[in-house]
Amino acid sequence: MDVLTQCNQKGFPIPDRLLNSLDWEKVDRFASFLEEKNEPGGFFSQNDAARILERHIYENLIFVDYVSSRLKVSRETKLADAGSGPGLPGYLFHCLKDPPAVTLIDSSKRRLSFLEAWANDSRAAIESSNEPGKVNANTARLNFRYERLEEMKASYDIITIRALIPFPFCIEIVAALQPVGGHLFLATTEPPPKFKGLQAFGYVSRETYVPSELTFLGARSILHLEKIAKQDSRYPRSWKIIQQEMQKWKESTR
């Protein structure tokens, strides 16, 4: 059963702009991939395995809609999904009819490599079919990088983060990957705590949005930050130091 039909049956509303902007066949194929490769890829917990539609696909469709409604996302946009895992939410931006150049980044190949192999197989299948017209520039606009974010050299207009490391450390490790004028979108299970140090990373907060469509899942928020200045030269710190600081933070919140 396709994703749209399932969402309709479960009463999950799809915004009109998303209905028109997505290639739903690609969304369906990606949903099938997540279900078929969940166990060998270790994508989701045992509890989530039976709720992939609502807890992962639908939730991230709403995330895509939010980003697309705040910014113009076009073929000229360079978008990176930091700590992408099995490709969420990044691959869903690739499912737009007019997709940006999407880069999925994860320091571990454990989950993301399953998606890369599947995407390559899908491309090969299309190329060998009798419909060569389906292979176009969009297919090549999906990239995979297996690197530590704090060590990368790159520049992206939009960065998305979901289920990475705690706030605000997740901002630190991507700050050097955005130019002034870039936008960072962070999906969280609850509103992030107020943090006065954003300016050290070059960001200001534009909005903390609570999607009404996701209230049935519990607390869900999307934090929108804009890069207005270059980050302090101290950042990002080495992963060893960030780990130490995260440990101190965890101990202080117990």
Protein backbone atom coordinates (compact mmCIF):
# COMPACT_ATOMS: atom_id res chain seq x y z
CA MET A 1 0.00 0.00 0.00
CA ASP A 2 1.44 3.40 -0.96
CA VAL A 3 2.41 6.05 1.60
CA LEU A 4 -0.36 8.50 0.69
CA THR A 5 -3.07 5.85 1.04
CA GLN A 6 -1.67 4.75 4.40
CA CYS A 7 -1.54 8.34 5.65
CA ASN A 8 -5.14 8.93 4.55
CA GLN A 9 -6.33 5.76 6.25
CA LYS A 10 -4.58 6.67 9.50
CA GLY A 11 -5.78 10.27 9.42
CA PHE A 12 -2.36 11.84 8.91
CA PRO A 13 -2.91 15.08 6.98
CA ILE A 14 -0.49 15.87 4.14
CA PRO A 15 -0.12 19.63 3.42
CA ASP A 16 -1.25 20.58 -0.08
CA ARG A 17 2.13 22.05 -1.03
CA LEU A 18 3.78 18.72 -0.17
CA LEU A 19 1.23 16.80 -2.22
CA ASN A 20 2.24 18.80 -5.27
CA SER A 21 6.00 19.06 -4.71
CA LEU A 22 6.96 15.45 -3.99
CA ASP A 23 7.56 12.53 -6.36
CA TRP A 24 5.39 10.08 -4.44
CA GLU A 25 6.64 7.06 -6.36
CA LYS A 26 10.12 7.80 -5.02
CA VAL A 27 8.69 8.21 -1.52
CA ASP A 28 6.97 4.82 -1.83
CA ARG A 29 10.18 3.12 -2.97
CA PHE A 30 12.10 4.67 -0.09
CA ALA A 31 9.44 3.56 2.41
CA SER A 32 9.69 0.01 1.06
CA PHE A 33 13.47 0.15 1.41
CA LEU A 34 13.22 1.20 5.07
CA GLU A 35 10.85 -1.66 5.84
CA GLU A 36 12.74 -4.33 3.89
CA LYS A 37 16.21 -3.37 5.15
CA ASN A 38 15.27 -2.38 8.68
CA GLU A 39 16.36 -5.63 10.30
CA PRO A 40 19.67 -6.22 8.47
CA GLY A 41 20.49 -2.50 8.61
CA GLY A 42 19.51 -2.05 12.25
CA PHE A 43 17.70 1.18 11.38
CA PHE A 44 15.06 1.36 14.09
CA SER A 45 14.33 -0.06 17.52
CA GLN A 46 12.06 -3.08 17.92
CA ASN A 47 9.23 -0.82 19.12
CA ASP A 48 9.62 1.48 16.10
CA ALA A 49 9.81 -1.33 13.55
CA ALA A 50 6.02 -1.63 13.48
CA ARG A 51 5.53 2.15 13.33
CA ILE A 52 7.93 3.21 10.60
CA LEU A 53 5.20 5.11 8.75
CA GLU A 54 4.20 7.45 11.57
CA ARG A 55 7.41 7.70 13.61
CA HIS A 56 9.82 8.11 10.72
CA ILE A 57 8.29 8.62 7.27
CA TYR A 58 5.34 10.86 8.17
CA GLU A 59 7.25 12.77 10.84
CA ASN A 60 10.01 13.56 8.35
CA LEU A 61 7.57 14.47 5.59
CA ILE A 62 6.26 17.19 7.91
CA PHE A 63 9.87 18.25 8.52
CA VAL A 64 10.45 18.54 4.74
CA ASP A 65 7.28 20.58 4.42
CA TYR A 66 8.39 22.95 7.18
CA VAL A 67 11.80 23.58 5.63
CA SER A 68 10.31 24.02 2.16
CA SER A 69 7.73 26.48 3.49
CA ARG A 70 10.36 28.68 5.18
CA LEU A 71 12.95 28.72 2.40
CA LYS A 72 13.11 28.41 -1.34
CA VAL A 73 14.53 24.92 -1.89
CA SER A 74 15.52 24.52 -5.53
CA ARG A 75 18.04 22.84 -7.80
CA GLU A 76 20.56 25.54 -6.88
CA THR A 77 20.33 24.65 -3.17
CA LYS A 78 23.06 22.59 -1.54
CA LEU A 79 21.55 20.62 1.33
CA ALA A 80 23.32 18.33 3.80
CA ASP A 81 21.73 15.87 6.22
CA ALA A 82 24.08 15.54 9.21
CA GLY A 83 24.16 12.12 10.88
CA SER A 84 21.77 10.78 8.27
CA GLY A 85 21.60 7.14 9.42
CA PRO A 86 19.26 5.39 6.94
CA GLY A 87 18.65 8.69 5.12
CA LEU A 88 16.20 10.54 7.35
CA PRO A 89 15.20 13.23 6.70
CA GLY A 90 17.73 13.89 3.91
CA TYR A 91 16.57 11.35 1.33
CA LEU A 92 13.04 12.78 1.39
CA PHE A 93 14.42 16.09 0.07
CA HIS A 94 15.84 14.03 -2.82
CA CYS A 95 12.24 12.90 -3.44
CA LEU A 96 11.14 16.42 -4.33
CA LYS A 97 10.21 16.81 -7.98
CA ASP A 98 12.80 19.56 -8.27
CA PRO A 99 15.33 18.35 -5.70
CA PRO A 100 18.28 20.22 -4.27
CA ALA A 101 21.77 18.73 -4.39
CA VAL A 102 21.51 16.44 -1.35
CA THR A 103 24.50 15.13 0.59
CA LEU A 104 23.88 12.47 3.23
CA ILE A 105 26.63 12.46 5.86
CA ASP A 106 27.43 9.90 8.52
CA SER A 107 30.73 8.98 10.11
CA SER A 108 29.58 5.35 10.25
CA LYS A 109 28.74 3.21 7.23
CA ARG A 110 26.66 0.86 9.38
CA ARG A 111 23.27 2.17 8.24
CA LEU A 112 23.86 4.73 5.50
CA SER A 113 25.80 2.27 3.32
CA PHE A 114 22.60 0.20 2.93
CA LEU A 115 20.90 3.24 1.41
CA GLU A 116 23.84 3.99 -0.88
CA ALA A 117 23.87 0.41 -2.19
CA TRP A 118 20.11 0.49 -2.71
CA ALA A 119 20.25 3.87 -4.48
CA ASN A 120 23.03 2.61 -6.77
CA ASP A 121 21.07 -0.55 -7.56
CA SER A 122 17.96 1.52 -8.32
CA ARG A 123 19.90 3.74 -10.68
CA ALA A 124 21.45 0.75 -12.43
CA ALA A 125 18.02 -0.85 -12.84
CA ILE A 126 16.66 2.31 -14.46
CA GLU A 127 19.69 2.62 -16.75
CA SER A 128 19.25 -0.95 -17.97
CA SER A 129 15.50 -0.60 -18.49
CA ASN A 130 13.72 0.49 -21.62
CA GLU A 131 13.03 3.89 -20.06
CA PRO A 132 16.39 5.69 -20.25
CA GLY A 133 14.60 9.01 -19.95
CA LYS A 134 14.08 8.32 -16.26
CA VAL A 135 17.81 8.71 -15.69
CA ASN A 136 18.35 12.44 -15.44
CA ALA A 137 20.33 15.04 -13.58
CA ASN A 138 18.23 14.44 -10.45
CA THR A 139 19.68 10.96 -10.03
CA ALA A 140 23.21 12.31 -9.78
CA ARG A 141 22.22 14.96 -7.22
CA LEU A 142 22.49 12.52 -4.32
CA ASN A 143 25.85 12.17 -2.61
CA PHE A 144 27.14 10.11 0.31
CA ARG A 145 29.99 11.10 2.63
CA TYR A 146 31.35 9.00 5.48
CA GLU A 147 33.26 11.57 7.50
CA ARG A 148 33.30 13.19 10.90
CA LEU A 149 31.32 16.41 10.64
CA GLU A 150 33.74 18.44 12.74
CA GLU A 151 36.59 17.47 10.39
CA MET A 152 34.84 18.01 7.06
CA LYS A 153 35.63 20.71 4.51
CA ALA A 154 32.48 21.68 2.62
CA SER A 155 29.80 24.36 2.37
CA TYR A 156 26.02 23.87 2.43
CA ASP A 157 23.13 26.32 2.16
CA ILE A 158 20.88 24.17 4.35
CA ILE A 159 21.83 21.60 6.98
CA THR A 160 19.30 19.32 8.64
CA ILE A 161 19.86 17.45 11.89
CA ARG A 162 17.75 14.75 13.51
CA ALA A 163 18.79 12.37 16.30
CA LEU A 164 22.45 13.33 16.32
CA ILE A 165 24.27 14.45 19.49
CA PRO A 166 22.72 16.69 22.19
CA PHE A 167 22.02 20.38 21.70
CA PRO A 168 24.06 22.63 21.46
CA PHE A 169 26.99 20.32 20.62
CA CYS A 170 25.24 19.27 17.41
CA ILE A 171 25.39 22.90 16.27
CA GLU A 172 29.08 23.18 17.00
CA ILE A 173 30.06 20.25 14.80
CA VAL A 174 28.29 21.64 11.71
CA ALA A 175 28.91 25.39 12.13
CA ALA A 176 32.02 25.40 9.93
CA LEU A 177 30.05 23.75 7.11
CA GLN A 178 27.82 26.77 6.51
CA PRO A 179 28.52 30.18 5.03
CA VAL A 180 26.92 33.35 6.35
CA GLY A 181 23.33 33.25 5.14
CA GLY A 182 23.03 29.49 5.60
CA HIS A 183 20.16 27.86 7.50
CA LEU A 184 20.19 25.03 10.03
CA PHE A 185 17.07 23.02 10.89
CA LEU A 186 17.10 20.83 13.98
CA ALA A 187 14.32 18.29 14.68
CA THR A 188 13.94 17.52 18.38
CA THR A 189 11.56 15.59 20.60
CA GLU A 190 11.16 18.63 22.83
CA PRO A 191 11.99 22.35 22.59
CA PRO A 192 15.75 22.78 23.08
CA PRO A 193 16.79 24.66 26.23
CA LYS A 194 17.56 28.35 25.92
CA PHE A 195 21.19 28.74 24.99
CA LYS A 196 23.02 32.06 25.07
CA GLY A 197 26.07 30.83 23.20
CA LEU A 198 24.61 30.59 19.69
CA GLN A 199 26.51 33.68 18.61
CA ALA A 200 29.80 31.85 19.20
CA PHE A 201 28.76 29.46 16.42
CA GLY A 202 27.58 32.36 14.23
CA TYR A 203 23.86 31.58 14.50
CA VAL A 204 20.69 33.30 15.64
CA SER A 205 17.41 31.57 16.34
CA ARG A 206 14.64 32.35 13.85
CA GLU A 207 11.87 30.10 15.12
CA THR A 208 11.03 27.16 17.35
CA TYR A 209 8.06 25.50 15.69
CA VAL A 210 5.78 22.84 17.18
CA PRO A 211 4.06 20.94 14.32
CA SER A 212 0.40 20.37 15.19
CA GLU A 213 0.33 17.36 12.84
CA LEU A 214 2.76 15.50 15.11
CA THR A 215 1.13 16.01 18.51
CA PHE A 216 -0.04 12.37 18.47
CA LEU A 217 3.65 11.35 18.68
CA GLY A 218 4.28 13.41 21.81
CA ALA A 219 6.63 16.38 22.04
CA ARG A 220 8.09 17.39 18.67
CA SER A 221 9.80 20.66 17.78
CA ILE A 222 11.76 22.11 14.87
CA LEU A 223 14.43 24.72 15.57
CA HIS A 224 15.32 27.06 12.70
CA LEU A 225 18.68 28.86 12.95
CA GLU A 226 20.30 31.27 10.52
CA LYS A 227 24.06 31.76 10.15
CA ILE A 228 24.70 35.52 10.38
CA ALA A 229 28.42 35.50 11.14
CA LYS A 230 31.46 33.28 10.97
CA GLN A 231 31.84 30.99 13.97
CA ASP A 232 34.45 31.72 16.61
CA SER A 233 37.87 30.37 15.59
CA ARG A 234 37.80 27.93 18.53
CA TYR A 235 35.03 25.92 16.90
CA PRO A 236 34.59 23.17 16.12
CA ARG A 237 36.75 21.62 18.80
CA SER A 238 38.16 18.12 18.47
CA TRP A 239 35.78 15.21 18.97
CA LYS A 240 37.69 14.19 22.11
CA ILE A 241 37.03 17.57 23.71
CA ILE A 242 33.39 17.62 22.59
CA GLN A 243 32.88 14.18 24.14
CA GLN A 244 34.37 15.41 27.42
CA GLU A 245 32.10 18.46 27.41
CA MET A 246 29.04 16.32 26.67
CA GLN A 247 29.89 14.07 29.60
CA LYS A 248 30.16 17.09 31.91
CA TRP A 249 26.83 18.34 30.61
CA LYS A 250 25.15 14.97 31.22
CA GLU A 251 26.47 14.84 34.76
CA SER A 252 25.27 18.38 35.45
CA THR A 253 21.72 17.56 34.33
CA ARG A 254 21.30 14.45 36.46
